[in-house]
Amino acid sequence: NHDAWCEDWLVSGHTPDVWLFNGGKSTLESYEDYLPEKLDLHLEF
């Protein structure tokens, strides 16, 4: 379920509060310096 949330963010940029509250904030922070092409590779994964 957490992977589905992260995938939704990679697709749409949407960051629902329920995701941020349940660990999504730390995930966003870990991606702060990622280039768009690397984000695309992760989305494919």
All heavy atoms as atom14 arrays in JSON, in Angstrom:
{
  "sequence": "NHDAWCEDWLVSGHTPDVWLFNGGKSTLESYEDYLPEKLDLHLEF",
  "atom14_mask": [
    [1, 1, 1, 1, 1, 1, 1, 1, 0, 0, 0, 0, 0, 0],
    [1, 1, 1, 1, 1, 1, 1, 1, 1, 1, 0, 0, 0, 0],
    [1, 1, 1, 1, 1, 1, 1, 1, 0, 0, 0, 0, 0, 0],
    [1, 1, 1, 1, 1, 0, 0, 0, 0, 0, 0, 0, 0, 0],
    [1, 1, 1, 1, 1, 1, 1, 1, 1, 1, 1, 1, 1, 1],
    [1, 1, 1, 1, 1, 1, 0, 0, 0, 0, 0, 0, 0, 0],
    [1, 1, 1, 1, 1, 1, 1, 1, 1, 0, 0, 0, 0, 0],
    [1, 1, 1, 1, 1, 1, 1, 1, 0, 0, 0, 0, 0, 0],
    [1, 1, 1, 1, 1, 1, 1, 1, 1, 1, 1, 1, 1, 1],
    [1, 1, 1, 1, 1, 1, 1, 1, 0, 0, 0, 0, 0, 0],
    [1, 1, 1, 1, 1, 1, 1, 0, 0, 0, 0, 0, 0, 0],
    [1, 1, 1, 1, 1, 1, 0, 0, 0, 0, 0, 0, 0, 0],
    [1, 1, 1, 1, 0, 0, 0, 0, 0, 0, 0, 0, 0, 0],
    [1, 1, 1, 1, 1, 1, 1, 1, 1, 1, 0, 0, 0, 0],
    [1, 1, 1, 1, 1, 1, 1, 0, 0, 0, 0, 0, 0, 0],
    [1, 1, 1, 1, 1, 1, 1, 0, 0, 0, 0, 0, 0, 0],
    [1, 1, 1, 1, 1, 1, 1, 1, 0, 0, 0, 0, 0, 0],
    [1, 1, 1, 1, 1, 1, 1, 0, 0, 0, 0, 0, 0, 0],
    [1, 1, 1, 1, 1, 1, 1, 1, 1, 1, 1, 1, 1, 1],
    [1, 1, 1, 1, 1, 1, 1, 1, 0, 0, 0, 0, 0, 0],
    [1, 1, 1, 1, 1, 1, 1, 1, 1, 1, 1, 0, 0, 0],
    [1, 1, 1, 1, 1, 1, 1, 1, 0, 0, 0, 0, 0, 0],
    [1, 1, 1, 1, 0, 0, 0, 0, 0, 0, 0, 0, 0, 0],
    [1, 1, 1, 1, 0, 0, 0, 0, 0, 0, 0, 0, 0, 0],
    [1, 1, 1, 1, 1, 1, 1, 1, 1, 0, 0, 0, 0, 0],
    [1, 1, 1, 1, 1, 1, 0, 0, 0, 0, 0, 0, 0, 0],
    [1, 1, 1, 1, 1, 1, 1, 0, 0, 0, 0, 0, 0, 0],
    [1, 1, 1, 1, 1, 1, 1, 1, 0, 0, 0, 0, 0, 0],
    [1, 1, 1, 1, 1, 1, 1, 1, 1, 0, 0, 0, 0, 0],
    [1, 1, 1, 1, 1, 1, 0, 0, 0, 0, 0, 0, 0, 0],
    [1, 1, 1, 1, 1, 1, 1, 1, 1, 1, 1, 1, 0, 0],
    [1, 1, 1, 1, 1, 1, 1, 1, 1, 0, 0, 0, 0, 0],
    [1, 1, 1, 1, 1, 1, 1, 1, 0, 0, 0, 0, 0, 0],
    [1, 1, 1, 1, 1, 1, 1, 1, 1, 1, 1, 1, 0, 0],
    [1, 1, 1, 1, 1, 1, 1, 1, 0, 0, 0, 0, 0, 0],
    [1, 1, 1, 1, 1, 1, 1, 0, 0, 0, 0, 0, 0, 0],
    [1, 1, 1, 1, 1, 1, 1, 1, 1, 0, 0, 0, 0, 0],
    [1, 1, 1, 1, 1, 1, 1, 1, 1, 0, 0, 0, 0, 0],
    [1, 1, 1, 1, 1, 1, 1, 1, 0, 0, 0, 0, 0, 0],
    [1, 1, 1, 1, 1, 1, 1, 1, 0, 0, 0, 0, 0, 0],
    [1, 1, 1, 1, 1, 1, 1, 1, 0, 0, 0, 0, 0, 0],
    [1, 1, 1, 1, 1, 1, 1, 1, 1, 1, 0, 0, 0, 0],
    [1, 1, 1, 1, 1, 1, 1, 1, 0, 0, 0, 0, 0, 0],
    [1, 1, 1, 1, 1, 1, 1, 1, 1, 0, 0, 0, 0, 0],
    [1, 1, 1, 1, 1, 1, 1, 1, 1, 1, 1, 0, 0, 0]
  ],
  "atom14_positions": [
    [[0.82, -1.21, 0.0], [0.0, 0.0, 0.0], [0.85, 1.26, 0.0], [0.52, 2.26, -0.65], [-0.98, 0.0, 1.18], [-0.3, -0.16, 2.52], [0.41, -1.15, 2.77], [-0.52, 0.79, 3.43], [0.0, 0.0, 0.0], [0.0, 0.0, 0.0], [0.0, 0.0, 0.0], [0.0, 0.0, 0.0], [0.0, 0.0, 0.0], [0.0, 0.0, 0.0]],
    [[1.98, 1.23, 0.7], [2.86, 2.4, 0.72], [3.52, 2.62, -0.64], [3.75, 3.77, -1.05], [3.9, 2.26, 1.82], [3.33, 2.43, 3.19], [3.29, 3.64, 3.85], [2.74, 1.54, 4.02], [2.71, 3.5, 5.03], [2.36, 2.22, 5.16], [0.0, 0.0, 0.0], [0.0, 0.0, 0.0], [0.0, 0.0, 0.0], [0.0, 0.0, 0.0]],
    [[3.79, 1.54, -1.33], [4.37, 1.65, -2.67], [3.35, 2.25, -3.65], [3.72, 3.03, -4.54], [4.83, 0.27, -3.15], [5.67, -0.44, -2.1], [6.57, 0.21, -1.53], [5.4, -1.61, -1.82], [0.0, 0.0, 0.0], [0.0, 0.0, 0.0], [0.0, 0.0, 0.0], [0.0, 0.0, 0.0], [0.0, 0.0, 0.0], [0.0, 0.0, 0.0]],
    [[2.09, 1.89, -3.47], [1.04, 2.46, -4.31], [0.91, 3.96, -4.09], [0.73, 4.74, -5.04], [-0.3, 1.77, -4.04], [0.0, 0.0, 0.0], [0.0, 0.0, 0.0], [0.0, 0.0, 0.0], [0.0, 0.0, 0.0], [0.0, 0.0, 0.0], [0.0, 0.0, 0.0], [0.0, 0.0, 0.0], [0.0, 0.0, 0.0], [0.0, 0.0, 0.0]],
    [[1.03, 4.4, -2.84], [1.02, 5.83, -2.55], [2.19, 6.54, -3.23], [2.02, 7.6, -3.85], [1.11, 6.06, -1.04], [-0.19, 6.07, -0.31], [-1.4, 6.45, -0.78], [-0.4, 5.68, 1.06], [-2.36, 6.33, 0.2], [-1.77, 5.86, 1.34], [0.44, 5.21, 2.06], [-2.32, 5.59, 2.59], [-0.11, 4.93, 3.32], [-1.47, 5.12, 3.57]],
    [[3.38, 5.95, -3.11], [4.56, 6.57, -3.7], [4.44, 6.6, -5.22], [4.8, 7.59, -5.86], [5.81, 5.8, -3.27], [7.36, 6.61, -3.74], [0.0, 0.0, 0.0], [0.0, 0.0, 0.0], [0.0, 0.0, 0.0], [0.0, 0.0, 0.0], [0.0, 0.0, 0.0], [0.0, 0.0, 0.0], [0.0, 0.0, 0.0], [0.0, 0.0, 0.0]],
    [[3.93, 5.55, -5.79], [3.72, 5.51, -7.24], [2.76, 6.62, -7.68], [3.01, 7.29, -8.7], [3.18, 4.15, -7.65], [2.94, 4.02, -9.14], [2.32, 2.67, -9.51], [2.2, 1.79, -8.63], [1.95, 2.51, -10.69], [0.0, 0.0, 0.0], [0.0, 0.0, 0.0], [0.0, 0.0, 0.0], [0.0, 0.0, 0.0], [0.0, 0.0, 0.0]],
    [[1.69, 6.8, -6.93], [0.74, 7.86, -7.26], [1.42, 9.23, -7.25], [1.15, 10.08, -8.11], [-0.43, 7.86, -6.27], [-1.38, 6.7, -6.48], [-1.31, 6.06, -7.56], [-2.17, 6.41, -5.56], [0.0, 0.0, 0.0], [0.0, 0.0, 0.0], [0.0, 0.0, 0.0], [0.0, 0.0, 0.0], [0.0, 0.0, 0.0], [0.0, 0.0, 0.0]],
    [[2.3, 9.44, -6.27], [3.02, 10.71, -6.2], [3.94, 10.87, -7.41], [4.0, 11.95, -8.03], [3.84, 10.8, -4.91], [4.87, 11.89, -4.97], [4.64, 13.23, -5.01], [6.29, 11.72, -5.03], [5.83, 13.92, -5.09], [6.86, 13.01, -5.1], [7.12, 10.6, -5.01], [8.24, 13.21, -5.17], [8.49, 10.8, -5.08], [9.05, 12.09, -5.16]],
    [[4.64, 9.82, -7.8], [5.54, 9.9, -8.95], [4.77, 10.18, -10.24], [5.29, 10.84, -11.14], [6.33, 8.59, -9.09], [7.41, 8.35, -8.02], [7.94, 6.92, -8.11], [8.56, 9.35, -8.2], [0.0, 0.0, 0.0], [0.0, 0.0, 0.0], [0.0, 0.0, 0.0], [0.0, 0.0, 0.0], [0.0, 0.0, 0.0], [0.0, 0.0, 0.0]],
    [[3.54, 9.72, -10.32], [2.72, 9.95, -11.51], [2.11, 11.35, -11.52], [2.16, 12.07, -12.52], [1.59, 8.89, -11.6], [0.58, 9.26, -12.69], [2.18, 7.52, -11.87], [0.0, 0.0, 0.0], [0.0, 0.0, 0.0], [0.0, 0.0, 0.0], [0.0, 0.0, 0.0], [0.0, 0.0, 0.0], [0.0, 0.0, 0.0], [0.0, 0.0, 0.0]],
    [[1.53, 11.74, -10.37], [0.7, 12.95, -10.35], [1.28, 14.12, -9.55], [0.83, 15.25, -9.7], [-0.67, 12.61, -9.75], [-0.53, 12.27, -8.37], [0.0, 0.0, 0.0], [0.0, 0.0, 0.0], [0.0, 0.0, 0.0], [0.0, 0.0, 0.0], [0.0, 0.0, 0.0], [0.0, 0.0, 0.0], [0.0, 0.0, 0.0], [0.0, 0.0, 0.0]],
    [[2.25, 13.84, -8.68], [2.76, 14.87, -7.79], [1.87, 15.1, -6.58], [2.16, 15.95, -5.74], [0.0, 0.0, 0.0], [0.0, 0.0, 0.0], [0.0, 0.0, 0.0], [0.0, 0.0, 0.0], [0.0, 0.0, 0.0], [0.0, 0.0, 0.0], [0.0, 0.0, 0.0], [0.0, 0.0, 0.0], [0.0, 0.0, 0.0], [0.0, 0.0, 0.0]],
    [[0.8, 14.32, -6.48], [-0.16, 14.49, -5.39], [0.41, 13.92, -4.09], [0.95, 12.81, -4.07], [-1.47, 13.8, -5.74], [-2.56, 14.03, -4.74], [-2.89, 15.27, -4.25], [-3.42, 13.15, -4.13], [-3.88, 15.17, -3.39], [-4.21, 13.9, -3.29], [0.0, 0.0, 0.0], [0.0, 0.0, 0.0], [0.0, 0.0, 0.0], [0.0, 0.0, 0.0]],
    [[0.28, 14.67, -3.0], [0.81, 14.24, -1.7], [-0.29, 14.31, -0.65], [-0.34, 15.25, 0.15], [2.0, 15.12, -1.27], [1.58, 16.48, -1.22], [3.17, 14.98, -2.23], [0.0, 0.0, 0.0], [0.0, 0.0, 0.0], [0.0, 0.0, 0.0], [0.0, 0.0, 0.0], [0.0, 0.0, 0.0], [0.0, 0.0, 0.0], [0.0, 0.0, 0.0]],
    [[-1.17, 13.33, -0.6], [-2.26, 13.36, 0.39], [-1.73, 13.32, 1.81], [-0.7, 12.69, 2.1], [-3.07, 12.11, 0.05], [-2.11, 11.21, -0.66], [-1.19, 12.11, -1.42], [0.0, 0.0, 0.0], [0.0, 0.0, 0.0], [0.0, 0.0, 0.0], [0.0, 0.0, 0.0], [0.0, 0.0, 0.0], [0.0, 0.0, 0.0], [0.0, 0.0, 0.0]],
    [[-2.45, 13.98, 2.7], [-2.03, 14.04, 4.1], [-1.9, 12.65, 4.72], [-1.01, 12.41, 5.54], [-3.03, 14.88, 4.9], [-2.94, 16.36, 4.58], [-1.92, 16.79, 4.01], [-3.89, 17.09, 4.9], [0.0, 0.0, 0.0], [0.0, 0.0, 0.0], [0.0, 0.0, 0.0], [0.0, 0.0, 0.0], [0.0, 0.0, 0.0], [0.0, 0.0, 0.0]],
    [[-2.79, 11.73, 4.33], [-2.74, 10.39, 4.92], [-1.42, 9.7, 4.58], [-0.88, 8.95, 5.4], [-3.95, 9.54, 4.46], [-3.91, 9.29, 2.95], [-4.01, 8.23, 5.23], [0.0, 0.0, 0.0], [0.0, 0.0, 0.0], [0.0, 0.0, 0.0], [0.0, 0.0, 0.0], [0.0, 0.0, 0.0], [0.0, 0.0, 0.0], [0.0, 0.0, 0.0]],
    [[-0.89, 9.95, 3.41], [0.41, 9.38, 3.03], [1.53, 10.06, 3.8], [2.4, 9.39, 4.38], [0.63, 9.52, 1.52], [1.98, 9.0, 1.06], [2.56, 7.82, 1.43], [2.9, 9.67, 0.2], [3.8, 7.7, 0.82], [4.02, 8.81, 0.06], [2.88, 10.88, -0.48], [5.13, 9.15, -0.74], [3.97, 11.21, -1.28], [5.08, 10.35, -1.4]],
    [[1.53, 11.38, 3.82], [2.59, 12.12, 4.53], [2.64, 11.73, 6.0], [3.73, 11.55, 6.57], [2.36, 13.63, 4.38], [2.42, 14.19, 2.96], [2.11, 15.68, 2.98], [3.78, 13.92, 2.32], [0.0, 0.0, 0.0], [0.0, 0.0, 0.0], [0.0, 0.0, 0.0], [0.0, 0.0, 0.0], [0.0, 0.0, 0.0], [0.0, 0.0, 0.0]],
    [[1.48, 11.58, 6.61], [1.41, 11.24, 8.03], [1.91, 9.83, 8.3], [2.44, 9.54, 9.38], [-0.03, 11.39, 8.53], [-0.21, 11.06, 9.99], [0.19, 11.95, 10.97], [-0.77, 9.85, 10.37], [0.04, 11.64, 12.32], [-0.93, 9.53, 11.71], [-0.52, 10.43, 12.69], [0.0, 0.0, 0.0], [0.0, 0.0, 0.0], [0.0, 0.0, 0.0]],
    [[1.77, 8.94, 7.31], [2.14, 7.54, 7.5], [3.49, 7.19, 6.86], [3.68, 6.07, 6.4], [1.05, 6.63, 6.94], [-0.15, 6.56, 7.87], [-0.11, 5.89, 8.89], [-1.22, 7.25, 7.51], [0.0, 0.0, 0.0], [0.0, 0.0, 0.0], [0.0, 0.0, 0.0], [0.0, 0.0, 0.0], [0.0, 0.0, 0.0], [0.0, 0.0, 0.0]],
    [[4.4, 8.12, 6.89], [5.76, 7.85, 6.44], [6.14, 8.49, 5.12], [7.31, 8.48, 4.73], [0.0, 0.0, 0.0], [0.0, 0.0, 0.0], [0.0, 0.0, 0.0], [0.0, 0.0, 0.0], [0.0, 0.0, 0.0], [0.0, 0.0, 0.0], [0.0, 0.0, 0.0], [0.0, 0.0, 0.0], [0.0, 0.0, 0.0], [0.0, 0.0, 0.0]],
    [[5.16, 9.04, 4.4], [5.44, 9.62, 3.1], [6.37, 10.82, 3.15], [7.13, 11.07, 2.2], [0.0, 0.0, 0.0], [0.0, 0.0, 0.0], [0.0, 0.0, 0.0], [0.0, 0.0, 0.0], [0.0, 0.0, 0.0], [0.0, 0.0, 0.0], [0.0, 0.0, 0.0], [0.0, 0.0, 0.0], [0.0, 0.0, 0.0], [0.0, 0.0, 0.0]],
    [[6.35, 11.56, 4.25], [7.19, 12.74, 4.36], [8.67, 12.37, 4.24], [9.44, 13.04, 3.54], [6.93, 13.45, 5.69], [7.68, 14.76, 5.87], [7.26, 15.47, 7.14], [7.97, 16.8, 7.32], [9.43, 16.62, 7.52], [0.0, 0.0, 0.0], [0.0, 0.0, 0.0], [0.0, 0.0, 0.0], [0.0, 0.0, 0.0], [0.0, 0.0, 0.0]],
    [[9.08, 11.31, 4.91], [10.48, 10.89, 4.84], [10.84, 10.4, 3.44], [11.98, 10.58, 2.98], [10.77, 9.79, 5.87], [10.07, 8.6, 5.56], [0.0, 0.0, 0.0], [0.0, 0.0, 0.0], [0.0, 0.0, 0.0], [0.0, 0.0, 0.0], [0.0, 0.0, 0.0], [0.0, 0.0, 0.0], [0.0, 0.0, 0.0], [0.0, 0.0, 0.0]],
    [[9.87, 9.8, 2.75], [10.12, 9.36, 1.37], [10.33, 10.56, 0.46], [11.27, 10.58, -0.35], [8.94, 8.5, 0.87], [8.84, 7.33, 1.68], [9.15, 8.1, -0.58], [0.0, 0.0, 0.0], [0.0, 0.0, 0.0], [0.0, 0.0, 0.0], [0.0, 0.0, 0.0], [0.0, 0.0, 0.0], [0.0, 0.0, 0.0], [0.0, 0.0, 0.0]],
    [[9.48, 11.57, 0.57], [9.65, 12.78, -0.22], [11.02, 13.4, 0.01], [11.71, 13.82, -0.94], [8.56, 13.79, 0.12], [7.16, 13.55, -0.43], [6.22, 14.65, 0.03], [7.17, 13.47, -1.95], [0.0, 0.0, 0.0], [0.0, 0.0, 0.0], [0.0, 0.0, 0.0], [0.0, 0.0, 0.0], [0.0, 0.0, 0.0], [0.0, 0.0, 0.0]],
    [[11.43, 13.47, 1.26], [12.73, 14.06, 1.59], [13.88, 13.28, 0.98], [14.89, 13.85, 0.57], [12.89, 14.16, 3.1], [11.95, 15.19, 3.74], [11.94, 15.14, 5.25], [12.53, 14.2, 5.82], [11.31, 16.03, 5.86], [0.0, 0.0, 0.0], [0.0, 0.0, 0.0], [0.0, 0.0, 0.0], [0.0, 0.0, 0.0], [0.0, 0.0, 0.0]],
    [[13.72, 11.97, 0.89], [14.79, 11.15, 0.32], [14.93, 11.34, -1.18], [15.95, 10.98, -1.78], [14.55, 9.66, 0.63], [13.56, 9.1, -0.2], [0.0, 0.0, 0.0], [0.0, 0.0, 0.0], [0.0, 0.0, 0.0], [0.0, 0.0, 0.0], [0.0, 0.0, 0.0], [0.0, 0.0, 0.0], [0.0, 0.0, 0.0], [0.0, 0.0, 0.0]],
    [[13.89, 11.92, -1.82], [13.91, 12.15, -3.26], [14.21, 13.61, -3.62], [14.13, 13.97, -4.8], [12.55, 11.77, -3.86], [12.42, 10.3, -4.21], [11.66, 9.45, -3.42], [13.05, 9.78, -5.35], [11.52, 8.11, -3.76], [12.93, 8.45, -5.67], [12.17, 7.62, -4.89], [12.05, 6.29, -5.21], [0.0, 0.0, 0.0], [0.0, 0.0, 0.0]],
    [[14.56, 14.42, -2.66], [14.69, 15.86, -2.91], [15.67, 16.21, -4.02], [15.47, 17.16, -4.77], [15.1, 16.57, -1.61], [13.96, 16.79, -0.65], [14.39, 17.51, 0.61], [15.61, 17.6, 0.87], [13.49, 17.96, 1.35], [0.0, 0.0, 0.0], [0.0, 0.0, 0.0], [0.0, 0.0, 0.0], [0.0, 0.0, 0.0], [0.0, 0.0, 0.0]],
    [[16.77, 15.47, -4.14], [17.81, 15.82, -5.1], [17.79, 14.96, -6.36], [18.76, 14.95, -7.12], [19.19, 15.71, -4.43], [19.34, 16.65, -3.24], [18.8, 17.78, -3.33], [19.97, 16.27, -2.25], [0.0, 0.0, 0.0], [0.0, 0.0, 0.0], [0.0, 0.0, 0.0], [0.0, 0.0, 0.0], [0.0, 0.0, 0.0], [0.0, 0.0, 0.0]],
    [[16.7, 14.24, -6.59], [16.64, 13.35, -7.74], [16.29, 14.11, -9.02], [15.41, 14.96, -9.04], [15.61, 12.24, -7.52], [16.21, 10.98, -6.96], [16.78, 10.97, -5.69], [16.23, 9.81, -7.69], [17.34, 9.82, -5.16], [16.79, 8.64, -7.18], [17.35, 8.66, -5.92], [17.91, 7.52, -5.41], [0.0, 0.0, 0.0], [0.0, 0.0, 0.0]],
    [[17.0, 13.76, -10.11], [16.71, 14.35, -11.41], [15.47, 13.67, -12.0], [15.17, 12.51, -11.7], [17.9, 14.16, -12.35], [19.2, 14.85, -11.92], [20.34, 14.45, -12.84], [19.02, 16.36, -11.91], [0.0, 0.0, 0.0], [0.0, 0.0, 0.0], [0.0, 0.0, 0.0], [0.0, 0.0, 0.0], [0.0, 0.0, 0.0], [0.0, 0.0, 0.0]],
    [[14.74, 14.37, -12.87], [13.51, 13.81, -13.45], [13.71, 12.45, -14.13], [12.86, 11.57, -14.0], [13.09, 14.88, -14.46], [13.64, 16.15, -13.9], [14.94, 15.77, -13.28], [0.0, 0.0, 0.0], [0.0, 0.0, 0.0], [0.0, 0.0, 0.0], [0.0, 0.0, 0.0], [0.0, 0.0, 0.0], [0.0, 0.0, 0.0], [0.0, 0.0, 0.0]],
    [[14.82, 12.27, -14.82], [15.03, 10.99, -15.51], [15.2, 9.84, -14.53], [14.79, 8.71, -14.8], [16.24, 11.07, -16.45], [17.54, 11.53, -15.82], [17.76, 13.03, -15.96], [16.76, 13.77, -15.98], [18.92, 13.44, -16.06], [0.0, 0.0, 0.0], [0.0, 0.0, 0.0], [0.0, 0.0, 0.0], [0.0, 0.0, 0.0], [0.0, 0.0, 0.0]],
    [[15.79, 10.11, -13.36], [15.91, 9.07, -12.34], [14.56, 8.77, -11.7], [14.27, 7.63, -11.36], [16.95, 9.47, -11.29], [18.38, 9.44, -11.78], [19.37, 9.59, -10.65], [20.8, 9.43, -11.16], [21.8, 9.53, -10.06], [0.0, 0.0, 0.0], [0.0, 0.0, 0.0], [0.0, 0.0, 0.0], [0.0, 0.0, 0.0], [0.0, 0.0, 0.0]],
    [[13.76, 9.8, -11.53], [12.41, 9.59, -11.02], [11.6, 8.72, -11.98], [10.84, 7.85, -11.55], [11.7, 10.93, -10.81], [12.19, 11.8, -9.65], [11.44, 13.13, -9.65], [12.02, 11.11, -8.32], [0.0, 0.0, 0.0], [0.0, 0.0, 0.0], [0.0, 0.0, 0.0], [0.0, 0.0, 0.0], [0.0, 0.0, 0.0], [0.0, 0.0, 0.0]],
    [[11.8, 8.92, -13.26], [11.1, 8.1, -14.26], [11.5, 6.64, -14.15], [10.67, 5.74, -14.29], [11.39, 8.62, -15.67], [10.72, 9.96, -15.96], [9.76, 10.31, -15.24], [11.14, 10.65, -16.91], [0.0, 0.0, 0.0], [0.0, 0.0, 0.0], [0.0, 0.0, 0.0], [0.0, 0.0, 0.0], [0.0, 0.0, 0.0], [0.0, 0.0, 0.0]],
    [[12.77, 6.38, -13.9], [13.24, 5.0, -13.75], [12.61, 4.35, -12.52], [12.23, 3.18, -12.56], [14.77, 4.97, -13.64], [15.55, 5.3, -14.92], [17.05, 5.38, -14.62], [15.28, 4.25, -16.0], [0.0, 0.0, 0.0], [0.0, 0.0, 0.0], [0.0, 0.0, 0.0], [0.0, 0.0, 0.0], [0.0, 0.0, 0.0], [0.0, 0.0, 0.0]],
    [[12.49, 5.11, -11.46], [11.87, 4.58, -10.25], [10.38, 4.33, -10.47], [9.84, 3.33, -9.98], [12.1, 5.53, -9.08], [13.49, 5.44, -8.51], [13.78, 5.7, -7.2], [14.66, 5.1, -9.09], [15.08, 5.53, -6.99], [15.63, 5.18, -8.14], [0.0, 0.0, 0.0], [0.0, 0.0, 0.0], [0.0, 0.0, 0.0], [0.0, 0.0, 0.0]],
    [[9.72, 5.23, -11.19], [8.31, 5.03, -11.5], [8.12, 3.74, -12.3], [7.2, 2.96, -12.02], [7.77, 6.22, -12.29], [6.33, 6.07, -12.81], [5.35, 5.82, -11.68], [5.93, 7.31, -13.62], [0.0, 0.0, 0.0], [0.0, 0.0, 0.0], [0.0, 0.0, 0.0], [0.0, 0.0, 0.0], [0.0, 0.0, 0.0], [0.0, 0.0, 0.0]],
    [[8.98, 3.49, -13.25], [8.9, 2.25, -14.03], [9.04, 1.03, -13.12], [8.37, 0.02, -13.31], [9.98, 2.23, -15.11], [9.76, 3.22, -16.23], [10.91, 3.23, -17.21], [11.78, 2.33, -17.13], [10.96, 4.16, -18.06], [0.0, 0.0, 0.0], [0.0, 0.0, 0.0], [0.0, 0.0, 0.0], [0.0, 0.0, 0.0], [0.0, 0.0, 0.0]],
    [[9.9, 1.15, -12.12], [10.09, 0.04, -11.18], [8.81, -0.23, -10.39], [8.38, -1.38, -10.26], [11.24, 0.39, -10.23], [11.53, -0.67, -9.2], [12.17, -1.85, -9.55], [11.16, -0.49, -7.87], [12.44, -2.83, -8.61], [11.43, -1.46, -6.92], [12.07, -2.63, -7.3], [0.0, 0.0, 0.0], [0.0, 0.0, 0.0], [0.0, 0.0, 0.0]]
  ]
}
